[in-house]
Amino acid sequence: MMRRIDVSGAGGVSLAAWEFGDPPKNGNTTEDATGGGSGDATGESASRPGVLLLHGLMGRASHWAPTARWLAERHRAVALDQRGHGRSEKPPQAAYTREAYVEDAEAAVEQLGLAPVVLIGHAMGALTAWQLAAKRPDLVRGLIICDMRASALGAASQREWENWFKAWPLPFDTLADVRKWFGEDDPWVERPNPSRGEFYAEVMHEGPDGWRPVFDPEQMLKTRETWVYDAHWEELTQVRCPALVVRGLDGELGRAESQEMVRVLPHGQYAEVADAGHLVHYDQPNAWRAAIEPFLDTFTD
């Protein structure tokens, strides 16, 4: 079961958090996709260790559903639609800064009563997670970083993304077209990748002229440029809790950089997932679970 809980983020932006597992007994949340609620879980749900899952750029909370469902067996598992993504608010004039994203995650942890929380982040969500862990060590007791680089990516990378967005053949006529383009025809795809096609199909919605992303690509570029030009090693050194760095062998985070991240983290650990690209948890869900579950088990003993 998945239900929505509304969170008030930085600047009053309305955020949708999605909790997995049995509903709390106080009736403060709703099961439908549009209703809202607030308040902490009670009873058995509140007694389990809290986990907050943060998706990457262009992602959404539902991408975490397979992970969150098995997490919910032993944890209070909540996934957040970050500002500009999923069913969270997308105000064009809102701040899409690093600080805003971190403050949103901070608000979710506090308003949902998840602390001390284990943060699991993919890509941009992983950066948000380690920045929050550095900022608020009192809220965070564990951290999983999935396929996010600490090095600056630079202007060339940002131009590549701008050109890539322009190459999208929008609107798509059908979801099958979405799956085929992102899984096979996209020039960024080296070999057919059905899971990538499914990943992008999940962030599309149907309009009068066809299927388009639920996010504004310009907002995504503005969000990315707030971190793509900077390195983030210093914040890693400030993470005091145990941290696990996970990479897909075919992902964007190289082995040398990931191992340097582990070395820089005061309590860093390393795991890798074979036959996985950047979308590690989507490409190889069983291997992803095997990679992170032993780390998570240390917080439930």
C-alpha atoms as a PDB file:
ATOM      1  CA  MET A   1       0.000   0.000   0.000  1.00  0.00           C
ATOM      2  CA  MET A   2       1.201   3.488  -0.819  1.00  0.00           C
ATOM      3  CA  ARG A   3      -0.344   6.689   0.472  1.00  0.00           C
ATOM      4  CA  ARG A   4       0.394  10.365   0.156  1.00  0.00           C
ATOM      5  CA  ILE A   5       1.343  12.719   2.966  1.00  0.00           C
ATOM      6  CA  ASP A   6       1.677  16.430   2.197  1.00  0.00           C
ATOM      7  CA  VAL A   7       4.832  18.228   3.332  1.00  0.00           C
ATOM      8  CA  SER A   8       5.486  21.969   3.349  1.00  0.00           C
ATOM      9  CA  GLY A   9       8.919  22.552   1.851  1.00  0.00           C
ATOM     10  CA  ALA A  10      11.201  25.575   1.674  1.00  0.00           C
ATOM     11  CA  GLY A  11       9.345  28.758   0.774  1.00  0.00           C
ATOM     12  CA  GLY A  12       6.012  27.022   1.341  1.00  0.00           C
ATOM     13  CA  VAL A  13       6.286  24.779  -1.735  1.00  0.00           C
ATOM     14  CA  SER A  14       3.868  21.860  -1.388  1.00  0.00           C
ATOM     15  CA  LEU A  15       5.600  18.487  -1.593  1.00  0.00           C
ATOM     16  CA  ALA A  16       4.122  15.018  -1.951  1.00  0.00           C
ATOM     17  CA  ALA A  17       5.653  12.317   0.247  1.00  0.00           C
ATOM     18  CA  TRP A  18       4.639   8.708  -0.278  1.00  0.00           C
ATOM     19  CA  GLU A  19       4.701   6.203   2.559  1.00  0.00           C
ATOM     20  CA  PHE A  20       4.796   2.480   1.870  1.00  0.00           C
ATOM     21  CA  GLY A  21       3.427  -0.233   4.127  1.00  0.00           C
ATOM     22  CA  ASP A  22       0.485  -0.508   6.492  1.00  0.00           C
ATOM     23  CA  PRO A  23      -1.298   2.790   7.227  1.00  0.00           C
ATOM     24  CA  PRO A  24      -0.949   4.478  10.615  1.00  0.00           C
ATOM     25  CA  LYS A  25      -3.905   4.186  12.945  1.00  0.00           C
ATOM     26  CA  ASN A  26      -4.479   7.902  13.496  1.00  0.00           C
ATOM     27  CA  GLY A  27      -6.123   8.455  10.078  1.00  0.00           C
ATOM     28  CA  ASN A  28      -3.902  11.399   9.178  1.00  0.00           C
ATOM     29  CA  THR A  29      -3.038  10.238   5.689  1.00  0.00           C
ATOM     30  CA  THR A  30      -4.917   9.367   2.527  1.00  0.00           C
ATOM     31  CA  GLU A  31      -4.472   6.518   0.082  1.00  0.00           C
ATOM     32  CA  ASP A  32      -5.477   8.298  -3.124  1.00  0.00           C
ATOM     33  CA  ALA A  33      -3.027  10.155  -5.298  1.00  0.00           C
ATOM     34  CA  THR A  34      -4.596  13.570  -4.882  1.00  0.00           C
ATOM     35  CA  GLY A  35      -5.700  13.702  -1.278  1.00  0.00           C
ATOM     36  CA  GLY A  36      -3.358  14.947   1.382  1.00  0.00           C
ATOM     37  CA  GLY A  37      -2.683  14.736   5.043  1.00  0.00           C
ATOM     38  CA  SER A  38      -0.133  15.587   7.642  1.00  0.00           C
ATOM     39  CA  GLY A  39       1.188  14.320  10.902  1.00  0.00           C
ATOM     40  CA  ASP A  40       3.453  11.561  12.115  1.00  0.00           C
ATOM     41  CA  ALA A  41       2.682   7.873  11.956  1.00  0.00           C
ATOM     42  CA  THR A  42       1.854   6.154  15.199  1.00  0.00           C
ATOM     43  CA  GLY A  43       2.043   2.655  16.612  1.00  0.00           C
ATOM     44  CA  GLU A  44       4.049   0.022  14.775  1.00  0.00           C
ATOM     45  CA  SER A  45       4.881   2.321  11.862  1.00  0.00           C
ATOM     46  CA  ALA A  46       6.441   4.969  14.098  1.00  0.00           C
ATOM     47  CA  SER A  47       8.471   2.396  16.017  1.00  0.00           C
ATOM     48  CA  ARG A  48      10.349   1.221  12.937  1.00  0.00           C
ATOM     49  CA  PRO A  49      13.534   2.962  11.768  1.00  0.00           C
ATOM     50  CA  GLY A  50      12.786   5.778   9.329  1.00  0.00           C
ATOM     51  CA  VAL A  51      14.109   5.755   5.760  1.00  0.00           C
ATOM     52  CA  LEU A  52      13.705   8.654   3.319  1.00  0.00           C
ATOM     53  CA  LEU A  53      14.253   7.906  -0.368  1.00  0.00           C
ATOM     54  CA  LEU A  54      15.284  10.754  -2.679  1.00  0.00           C
ATOM     55  CA  HIS A  55      15.074  10.334  -6.455  1.00  0.00           C
ATOM     56  CA  GLY A  56      17.412  11.917  -8.974  1.00  0.00           C
ATOM     57  CA  LEU A  57      16.889  14.695 -11.499  1.00  0.00           C
ATOM     58  CA  MET A  58      13.740  14.023 -13.570  1.00  0.00           C
ATOM     59  CA  GLY A  59      12.797  11.132 -11.301  1.00  0.00           C
ATOM     60  CA  ARG A  60       9.829  10.690  -9.012  1.00  0.00           C
ATOM     61  CA  ALA A  61       9.019   8.919  -5.773  1.00  0.00           C
ATOM     62  CA  SER A  62       7.318   6.009  -7.558  1.00  0.00           C
ATOM     63  CA  HIS A  63      10.667   4.984  -9.022  1.00  0.00           C
ATOM     64  CA  TRP A  64      11.512   3.806  -5.504  1.00  0.00           C
ATOM     65  CA  ALA A  65       8.401   1.608  -5.181  1.00  0.00           C
ATOM     66  CA  PRO A  66      10.154  -1.801  -5.485  1.00  0.00           C
ATOM     67  CA  THR A  67      12.829  -0.748  -2.976  1.00  0.00           C
ATOM     68  CA  ALA A  68      10.345   0.877  -0.605  1.00  0.00           C
ATOM     69  CA  ARG A  69       8.080  -2.170  -0.526  1.00  0.00           C
ATOM     70  CA  TRP A  70      10.742  -4.495   0.821  1.00  0.00           C
ATOM     71  CA  LEU A  71      12.092  -1.777   3.071  1.00  0.00           C
ATOM     72  CA  ALA A  72       8.633  -1.404   4.607  1.00  0.00           C
ATOM     73  CA  GLU A  73       8.921  -4.894   6.068  1.00  0.00           C
ATOM     74  CA  ARG A  74      11.361  -3.579   8.682  1.00  0.00           C
ATOM     75  CA  HIS A  75      11.480   0.209   8.228  1.00  0.00           C
ATOM     76  CA  ARG A  76       9.163   3.173   7.935  1.00  0.00           C
ATOM     77  CA  ALA A  77       9.829   3.806   4.233  1.00  0.00           C
ATOM     78  CA  VAL A  78       8.924   7.178   2.714  1.00  0.00           C
ATOM     79  CA  ALA A  79       9.787   8.441  -0.774  1.00  0.00           C
ATOM     80  CA  LEU A  80       9.625  12.149  -1.586  1.00  0.00           C
ATOM     81  CA  ASP A  81       8.589  13.794  -4.835  1.00  0.00           C
ATOM     82  CA  GLN A  82      11.054  16.671  -4.838  1.00  0.00           C
ATOM     83  CA  ARG A  83      10.060  20.164  -5.942  1.00  0.00           C
ATOM     84  CA  GLY A  84       9.401  20.374  -9.649  1.00  0.00           C
ATOM     85  CA  HIS A  85       9.002  16.583  -9.858  1.00  0.00           C
ATOM     86  CA  GLY A  86       6.240  14.018  -9.666  1.00  0.00           C
ATOM     87  CA  ARG A  87       3.127  15.278  -7.882  1.00  0.00           C
ATOM     88  CA  SER A  88       4.915  17.961  -5.901  1.00  0.00           C
ATOM     89  CA  GLU A  89       4.356  21.620  -6.701  1.00  0.00           C
ATOM     90  CA  LYS A  90       6.164  23.076  -9.712  1.00  0.00           C
ATOM     91  CA  PRO A  91       5.917  26.854  -9.282  1.00  0.00           C
ATOM     92  CA  PRO A  92       7.966  28.523 -12.033  1.00  0.00           C
ATOM     93  CA  GLN A  93       9.235  31.287  -9.727  1.00  0.00           C
ATOM     94  CA  ALA A  94      10.203  28.999  -6.836  1.00  0.00           C
ATOM     95  CA  ALA A  95      13.809  28.479  -5.849  1.00  0.00           C
ATOM     96  CA  TYR A  96      15.418  25.487  -7.542  1.00  0.00           C
ATOM     97  CA  THR A  97      18.662  25.824  -5.606  1.00  0.00           C
ATOM     98  CA  ARG A  98      20.729  23.295  -3.726  1.00  0.00           C
ATOM     99  CA  GLU A  99      19.662  24.941  -0.490  1.00  0.00           C
ATOM    100  CA  ALA A 100      15.969  24.597  -1.358  1.00  0.00           C
ATOM    101  CA  TYR A 101      16.263  20.902  -2.171  1.00  0.00           C
ATOM    102  CA  VAL A 102      18.158  20.225   1.064  1.00  0.00           C
ATOM    103  CA  GLU A 103      15.667  22.253   3.107  1.00  0.00           C
ATOM    104  CA  ASP A 104      12.814  20.296   1.508  1.00  0.00           C
ATOM    105  CA  ALA A 105      14.351  16.984   2.584  1.00  0.00           C
ATOM    106  CA  GLU A 106      15.021  18.423   6.034  1.00  0.00           C
ATOM    107  CA  ALA A 107      11.371  19.485   6.289  1.00  0.00           C
ATOM    108  CA  ALA A 108      10.197  16.019   5.254  1.00  0.00           C
ATOM    109  CA  VAL A 109      12.319  14.317   7.910  1.00  0.00           C
ATOM    110  CA  GLU A 110      11.084  16.661  10.614  1.00  0.00           C
ATOM    111  CA  GLN A 111       7.421  16.919   9.630  1.00  0.00           C
ATOM    112  CA  LEU A 112       7.069  13.158   9.148  1.00  0.00           C
ATOM    113  CA  GLY A 113       8.894  12.293  12.364  1.00  0.00           C
ATOM    114  CA  LEU A 114      11.498  10.130  10.603  1.00  0.00           C
ATOM    115  CA  ALA A 115      14.575  11.170  12.590  1.00  0.00           C
ATOM    116  CA  PRO A 116      17.055   9.765  13.137  1.00  0.00           C
ATOM    117  CA  VAL A 117      16.657   8.743   9.523  1.00  0.00           C
ATOM    118  CA  VAL A 118      18.583   6.699   6.980  1.00  0.00           C
ATOM    119  CA  LEU A 119      18.746   8.658   3.716  1.00  0.00           C
ATOM    120  CA  ILE A 120      18.892   6.778   0.409  1.00  0.00           C
ATOM    121  CA  GLY A 121      19.554   8.975  -2.594  1.00  0.00           C
ATOM    122  CA  HIS A 122      20.047   8.354  -6.283  1.00  0.00           C
ATOM    123  CA  ALA A 123      22.070  10.810  -8.406  1.00  0.00           C
ATOM    124  CA  MET A 124      20.957  14.355  -7.522  1.00  0.00           C
ATOM    125  CA  GLY A 125      18.964  12.886  -4.641  1.00  0.00           C
ATOM    126  CA  ALA A 126      22.184  11.403  -3.273  1.00  0.00           C
ATOM    127  CA  LEU A 127      23.816  14.837  -3.328  1.00  0.00           C
ATOM    128  CA  THR A 128      20.831  16.253  -1.449  1.00  0.00           C
ATOM    129  CA  ALA A 129      21.141  13.397   1.031  1.00  0.00           C
ATOM    130  CA  TRP A 130      24.803  13.919   1.835  1.00  0.00           C
ATOM    131  CA  GLN A 131      24.380  17.677   2.018  1.00  0.00           C
ATOM    132  CA  LEU A 132      21.576  17.202   4.544  1.00  0.00           C
ATOM    133  CA  ALA A 133      23.661  14.687   6.498  1.00  0.00           C
ATOM    134  CA  ALA A 134      26.485  17.234   6.660  1.00  0.00           C
ATOM    135  CA  LYS A 135      24.142  20.060   7.654  1.00  0.00           C
ATOM    136  CA  ARG A 136      22.011  18.200  10.213  1.00  0.00           C
ATOM    137  CA  PRO A 137      23.910  15.258  11.714  1.00  0.00           C
ATOM    138  CA  ASP A 138      21.308  15.177  14.476  1.00  0.00           C
ATOM    139  CA  LEU A 139      18.668  14.085  11.963  1.00  0.00           C
ATOM    140  CA  VAL A 140      20.632  11.488   9.982  1.00  0.00           C
ATOM    141  CA  ARG A 141      22.075   8.215  11.234  1.00  0.00           C
ATOM    142  CA  GLY A 142      22.860   6.515   7.955  1.00  0.00           C
ATOM    143  CA  LEU A 143      23.392   7.409   4.291  1.00  0.00           C
ATOM    144  CA  ILE A 144      23.346   5.492   1.007  1.00  0.00           C
ATOM    145  CA  ILE A 145      24.770   7.290  -2.029  1.00  0.00           C
ATOM    146  CA  CYS A 146      23.766   5.729  -5.351  1.00  0.00           C
ATOM    147  CA  ASP A 147      25.726   6.628  -8.495  1.00  0.00           C
ATOM    148  CA  MET A 148      26.409  10.315  -7.836  1.00  0.00           C
ATOM    149  CA  ARG A 149      29.741  11.981  -8.522  1.00  0.00           C
ATOM    150  CA  ALA A 150      31.398  14.389  -6.103  1.00  0.00           C
ATOM    151  CA  SER A 151      33.514  16.038  -8.802  1.00  0.00           C
ATOM    152  CA  ALA A 152      32.441  19.066 -10.807  1.00  0.00           C
ATOM    153  CA  LEU A 153      31.009  18.040 -14.198  1.00  0.00           C
ATOM    154  CA  GLY A 154      31.447  21.421 -15.868  1.00  0.00           C
ATOM    155  CA  ALA A 155      29.995  23.503 -18.679  1.00  0.00           C
ATOM    156  CA  ALA A 156      30.458  20.856 -21.372  1.00  0.00           C
ATOM    157  CA  SER A 157      28.262  18.452 -19.431  1.00  0.00           C
ATOM    158  CA  GLN A 158      25.546  21.076 -19.058  1.00  0.00           C
ATOM    159  CA  ARG A 159      25.620  21.796 -22.816  1.00  0.00           C
ATOM    160  CA  GLU A 160      25.267  18.083 -23.519  1.00  0.00           C
ATOM    161  CA  TRP A 161      22.145  17.998 -21.380  1.00  0.00           C
ATOM    162  CA  GLU A 162      20.704  21.063 -23.114  1.00  0.00           C
ATOM    163  CA  ASN A 163      21.223  19.427 -26.499  1.00  0.00           C
ATOM    164  CA  TRP A 164      19.824  16.132 -25.234  1.00  0.00           C
ATOM    165  CA  PHE A 165      16.571  17.748 -24.095  1.00  0.00           C
ATOM    166  CA  LYS A 166      16.253  19.387 -27.514  1.00  0.00           C
ATOM    167  CA  ALA A 167      16.581  15.970 -29.144  1.00  0.00           C
ATOM    168  CA  TRP A 168      13.512  14.533 -27.398  1.00  0.00           C
ATOM    169  CA  PRO A 169      10.843  13.937 -30.075  1.00  0.00           C
ATOM    170  CA  LEU A 170       8.026  15.560 -28.080  1.00  0.00           C
ATOM    171  CA  PRO A 171       5.198  14.888 -27.876  1.00  0.00           C
ATOM    172  CA  PHE A 172       5.250  11.092 -27.991  1.00  0.00           C
ATOM    173  CA  ASP A 173       2.178   9.506 -29.524  1.00  0.00           C
ATOM    174  CA  THR A 174       2.045   6.577 -27.104  1.00  0.00           C
ATOM    175  CA  LEU A 175       3.807   5.236 -24.012  1.00  0.00           C
ATOM    176  CA  ALA A 176       5.191   2.487 -26.234  1.00  0.00           C
ATOM    177  CA  ASP A 177       6.934   5.226 -28.227  1.00  0.00           C
ATOM    178  CA  VAL A 178       8.355   6.629 -24.993  1.00  0.00           C
ATOM    179  CA  ARG A 179       9.719   3.229 -23.978  1.00  0.00           C
ATOM    180  CA  LYS A 180      11.232   2.622 -27.394  1.00  0.00           C
ATOM    181  CA  TRP A 181      12.912   6.006 -27.724  1.00  0.00           C
ATOM    182  CA  PHE A 182      14.469   6.079 -24.255  1.00  0.00           C
ATOM    183  CA  GLY A 183      15.228   2.367 -24.266  1.00  0.00           C
ATOM    184  CA  GLU A 184      16.596   2.050 -27.815  1.00  0.00           C
ATOM    185  CA  ASP A 185      16.590   5.128 -30.067  1.00  0.00           C
ATOM    186  CA  ASP A 186      17.985   7.782 -27.722  1.00  0.00           C
ATOM    187  CA  PRO A 187      21.546   8.580 -28.921  1.00  0.00           C
ATOM    188  CA  TRP A 188      22.690   8.278 -25.307  1.00  0.00           C
ATOM    189  CA  VAL A 189      21.735   4.567 -25.287  1.00  0.00           C
ATOM    190  CA  GLU A 190      24.661   2.345 -26.229  1.00  0.00           C
ATOM    191  CA  ARG A 191      22.608  -0.857 -26.322  1.00  0.00           C
ATOM    192  CA  PRO A 192      18.897  -1.624 -25.823  1.00  0.00           C
ATOM    193  CA  ASN A 193      17.873  -0.983 -22.228  1.00  0.00           C
ATOM    194  CA  PRO A 194      14.202  -1.774 -21.512  1.00  0.00           C
ATOM    195  CA  SER A 195      14.447  -0.686 -17.868  1.00  0.00           C
ATOM    196  CA  ARG A 196      15.553   2.782 -18.996  1.00  0.00           C
ATOM    197  CA  GLY A 197      12.515   2.968 -21.265  1.00  0.00           C
ATOM    198  CA  GLU A 198      10.268   2.032 -18.344  1.00  0.00           C
ATOM    199  CA  PHE A 199      11.973   4.608 -16.115  1.00  0.00           C
ATOM    200  CA  TYR A 200      11.132   7.464 -18.490  1.00  0.00           C
ATOM    201  CA  ALA A 201       7.656   6.152 -19.262  1.00  0.00           C
ATOM    202  CA  GLU A 202       6.900   6.661 -15.579  1.00  0.00           C
ATOM    203  CA  VAL A 203       7.613  10.397 -15.772  1.00  0.00           C
ATOM    204  CA  MET A 204       5.279  11.049 -18.697  1.00  0.00           C
ATOM    205  CA  HIS A 205       1.659  12.164 -18.664  1.00  0.00           C
ATOM    206  CA  GLU A 206      -0.886  12.343 -21.448  1.00  0.00           C
ATOM    207  CA  GLY A 207      -2.092  15.689 -22.759  1.00  0.00           C
ATOM    208  CA  PRO A 208      -4.239  16.793 -25.693  1.00  0.00           C
ATOM    209  CA  ASP A 209      -1.359  16.393 -28.150  1.00  0.00           C
ATOM    210  CA  GLY A 210       0.302  13.281 -26.735  1.00  0.00           C
ATOM    211  CA  TRP A 211       2.716  12.284 -23.970  1.00  0.00           C
ATOM    212  CA  ARG A 212       5.051  14.801 -22.347  1.00  0.00           C
ATOM    213  CA  PRO A 213       7.155  14.812 -19.160  1.00  0.00           C
ATOM    214  CA  VAL A 214       5.471  15.749 -15.890  1.00  0.00           C
ATOM    215  CA  PHE A 215       8.349  18.167 -15.268  1.00  0.00           C
ATOM    216  CA  ASP A 216       9.460  21.285 -17.097  1.00  0.00           C
ATOM    217  CA  PRO A 217      12.763  20.538 -18.877  1.00  0.00           C
ATOM    218  CA  GLU A 218      13.871  24.149 -18.375  1.00  0.00           C
ATOM    219  CA  GLN A 219      13.382  23.767 -14.629  1.00  0.00           C
ATOM    220  CA  MET A 220      15.453  20.596 -14.738  1.00  0.00           C
ATOM    221  CA  LEU A 221      18.304  22.430 -16.454  1.00  0.00           C
ATOM    222  CA  LYS A 222      18.101  25.282 -13.932  1.00  0.00           C
ATOM    223  CA  THR A 223      18.186  22.750 -11.112  1.00  0.00           C
ATOM    224  CA  ARG A 224      21.180  20.961 -12.580  1.00  0.00           C
ATOM    225  CA  GLU A 225      23.213  24.093 -13.132  1.00  0.00           C
ATOM    226  CA  THR A 226      23.095  24.818  -9.386  1.00  0.00           C
ATOM    227  CA  TRP A 227      25.417  21.875  -8.725  1.00  0.00           C
ATOM    228  CA  VAL A 228      27.024  20.764 -11.983  1.00  0.00           C
ATOM    229  CA  TYR A 229      29.790  23.420 -11.927  1.00  0.00           C
ATOM    230  CA  ASP A 230      30.911  22.714  -8.351  1.00  0.00           C
ATOM    231  CA  ALA A 231      32.728  19.888  -6.612  1.00  0.00           C
ATOM    232  CA  HIS A 232      31.168  18.521  -3.439  1.00  0.00           C
ATOM    233  CA  TRP A 233      34.054  16.776  -1.686  1.00  0.00           C
ATOM    234  CA  GLU A 234      34.112  19.115   1.300  1.00  0.00           C
ATOM    235  CA  GLU A 235      30.543  18.223   2.244  1.00  0.00           C
ATOM    236  CA  LEU A 236      31.438  14.529   2.149  1.00  0.00           C
ATOM    237  CA  THR A 237      34.095  15.106   4.787  1.00  0.00           C
ATOM    238  CA  GLN A 238      31.395  16.582   7.051  1.00  0.00           C
ATOM    239  CA  VAL A 239      29.166  13.484   6.990  1.00  0.00           C
ATOM    240  CA  ARG A 240      29.587  11.945  10.433  1.00  0.00           C
ATOM    241  CA  CYS A 241      27.243   8.948  10.086  1.00  0.00           C
ATOM    242  CA  PRO A 242      28.015   5.604   8.390  1.00  0.00           C
ATOM    243  CA  ALA A 243      27.722   5.978   4.615  1.00  0.00           C
ATOM    244  CA  LEU A 244      27.590   3.459   1.780  1.00  0.00           C
ATOM    245  CA  VAL A 245      28.647   4.452  -1.743  1.00  0.00           C
ATOM    246  CA  VAL A 246      27.020   2.264  -4.412  1.00  0.00           C
ATOM    247  CA  ARG A 247      27.862   2.325  -8.103  1.00  0.00           C
ATOM    248  CA  GLY A 248      26.651   0.453 -11.151  1.00  0.00           C
ATOM    249  CA  LEU A 249      29.598  -0.959 -13.052  1.00  0.00           C
ATOM    250  CA  ASP A 250      28.298   0.717 -16.213  1.00  0.00           C
ATOM    251  CA  GLY A 251      27.062   3.856 -14.468  1.00  0.00           C
ATOM    252  CA  GLU A 252      28.302   7.432 -14.362  1.00  0.00           C
ATOM    253  CA  LEU A 253      30.322   7.091 -11.156  1.00  0.00           C
ATOM    254  CA  GLY A 254      33.704   5.530 -11.895  1.00  0.00           C
ATOM    255  CA  ARG A 255      35.457   3.090  -9.594  1.00  0.00           C
ATOM    256  CA  ALA A 256      38.379   5.406  -8.785  1.00  0.00           C
ATOM    257  CA  GLU A 257      36.118   8.324  -7.881  1.00  0.00           C
ATOM    258  CA  SER A 258      33.745   6.164  -5.855  1.00  0.00           C
ATOM    259  CA  GLN A 259      36.607   4.712  -3.846  1.00  0.00           C
ATOM    260  CA  GLU A 260      37.984   8.200  -3.229  1.00  0.00           C
ATOM    261  CA  MET A 261      34.539   9.193  -1.968  1.00  0.00           C
ATOM    262  CA  VAL A 262      34.662   6.255   0.441  1.00  0.00           C
ATOM    263  CA  ARG A 263      38.099   7.348   1.602  1.00  0.00           C
ATOM    264  CA  VAL A 264      36.970  10.947   2.155  1.00  0.00           C
ATOM    265  CA  LEU A 265      33.849   9.962   4.081  1.00  0.00           C
ATOM    266  CA  PRO A 266      34.703   9.554   7.780  1.00  0.00           C
ATOM    267  CA  HIS A 267      32.766   6.261   7.918  1.00  0.00           C
ATOM    268  CA  GLY A 268      32.551   5.263   4.263  1.00  0.00           C
ATOM    269  CA  GLN A 269      31.822   1.846   2.789  1.00  0.00           C
ATOM    270  CA  TYR A 270      31.684   0.650  -0.804  1.00  0.00           C
ATOM    271  CA  ALA A 271      29.441  -1.607  -2.896  1.00  0.00           C
ATOM    272  CA  GLU A 272      29.008  -2.146  -6.606  1.00  0.00           C
ATOM    273  CA  VAL A 273      26.317  -3.738  -8.748  1.00  0.00           C
ATOM    274  CA  ALA A 274      27.260  -5.703 -11.858  1.00  0.00           C
ATOM    275  CA  ASP A 275      25.334  -5.328 -15.130  1.00  0.00           C
ATOM    276  CA  ALA A 276      23.851  -2.036 -13.934  1.00  0.00           C
ATOM    277  CA  GLY A 277      24.085   1.422 -15.406  1.00  0.00           C
ATOM    278  CA  HIS A 278      23.221   4.743 -13.846  1.00  0.00           C
ATOM    279  CA  LEU A 279      19.716   3.548 -12.892  1.00  0.00           C
ATOM    280  CA  VAL A 280      21.154   0.947 -10.538  1.00  0.00           C
ATOM    281  CA  HIS A 281      18.005   0.262  -8.506  1.00  0.00           C
ATOM    282  CA  TYR A 282      15.943   0.059 -11.691  1.00  0.00           C
ATOM    283  CA  ASP A 283      18.375  -2.000 -13.772  1.00  0.00           C
ATOM    284  CA  GLN A 284      19.129  -4.682 -11.185  1.00  0.00           C
ATOM    285  CA  PRO A 285      16.628  -4.504  -8.302  1.00  0.00           C
ATOM    286  CA  ASN A 286      17.638  -7.815  -6.722  1.00  0.00           C
ATOM    287  CA  ALA A 287      21.366  -7.070  -6.848  1.00  0.00           C
ATOM    288  CA  TRP A 288      20.666  -3.558  -5.561  1.00  0.00           C
ATOM    289  CA  ARG A 289      18.862  -5.029  -2.570  1.00  0.00           C
ATOM    290  CA  ALA A 290      21.704  -7.454  -1.923  1.00  0.00           C
ATOM    291  CA  ALA A 291      24.179  -4.552  -2.020  1.00  0.00           C
ATOM    292  CA  ILE A 292      22.405  -2.300   0.477  1.00  0.00           C
ATOM    293  CA  GLU A 293      20.467  -4.623   2.781  1.00  0.00           C
ATOM    294  CA  PRO A 294      23.448  -5.643   4.970  1.00  0.00           C
ATOM    295  CA  PHE A 295      24.219  -1.950   5.563  1.00  0.00           C
ATOM    296  CA  LEU A 296      20.585  -1.227   6.447  1.00  0.00           C
ATOM    297  CA  ASP A 297      20.445  -4.207   8.779  1.00  0.00           C
ATOM    298  CA  THR A 298      22.953  -2.491  11.068  1.00  0.00           C
ATOM    299  CA  PHE A 299      20.250   0.076  11.900  1.00  0.00           C
ATOM    300  CA  THR A 300      17.560  -2.472  12.821  1.00  0.00           C
ATOM    301  CA  ASP A 301      19.526  -4.722  15.177  1.00  0.00           C
END
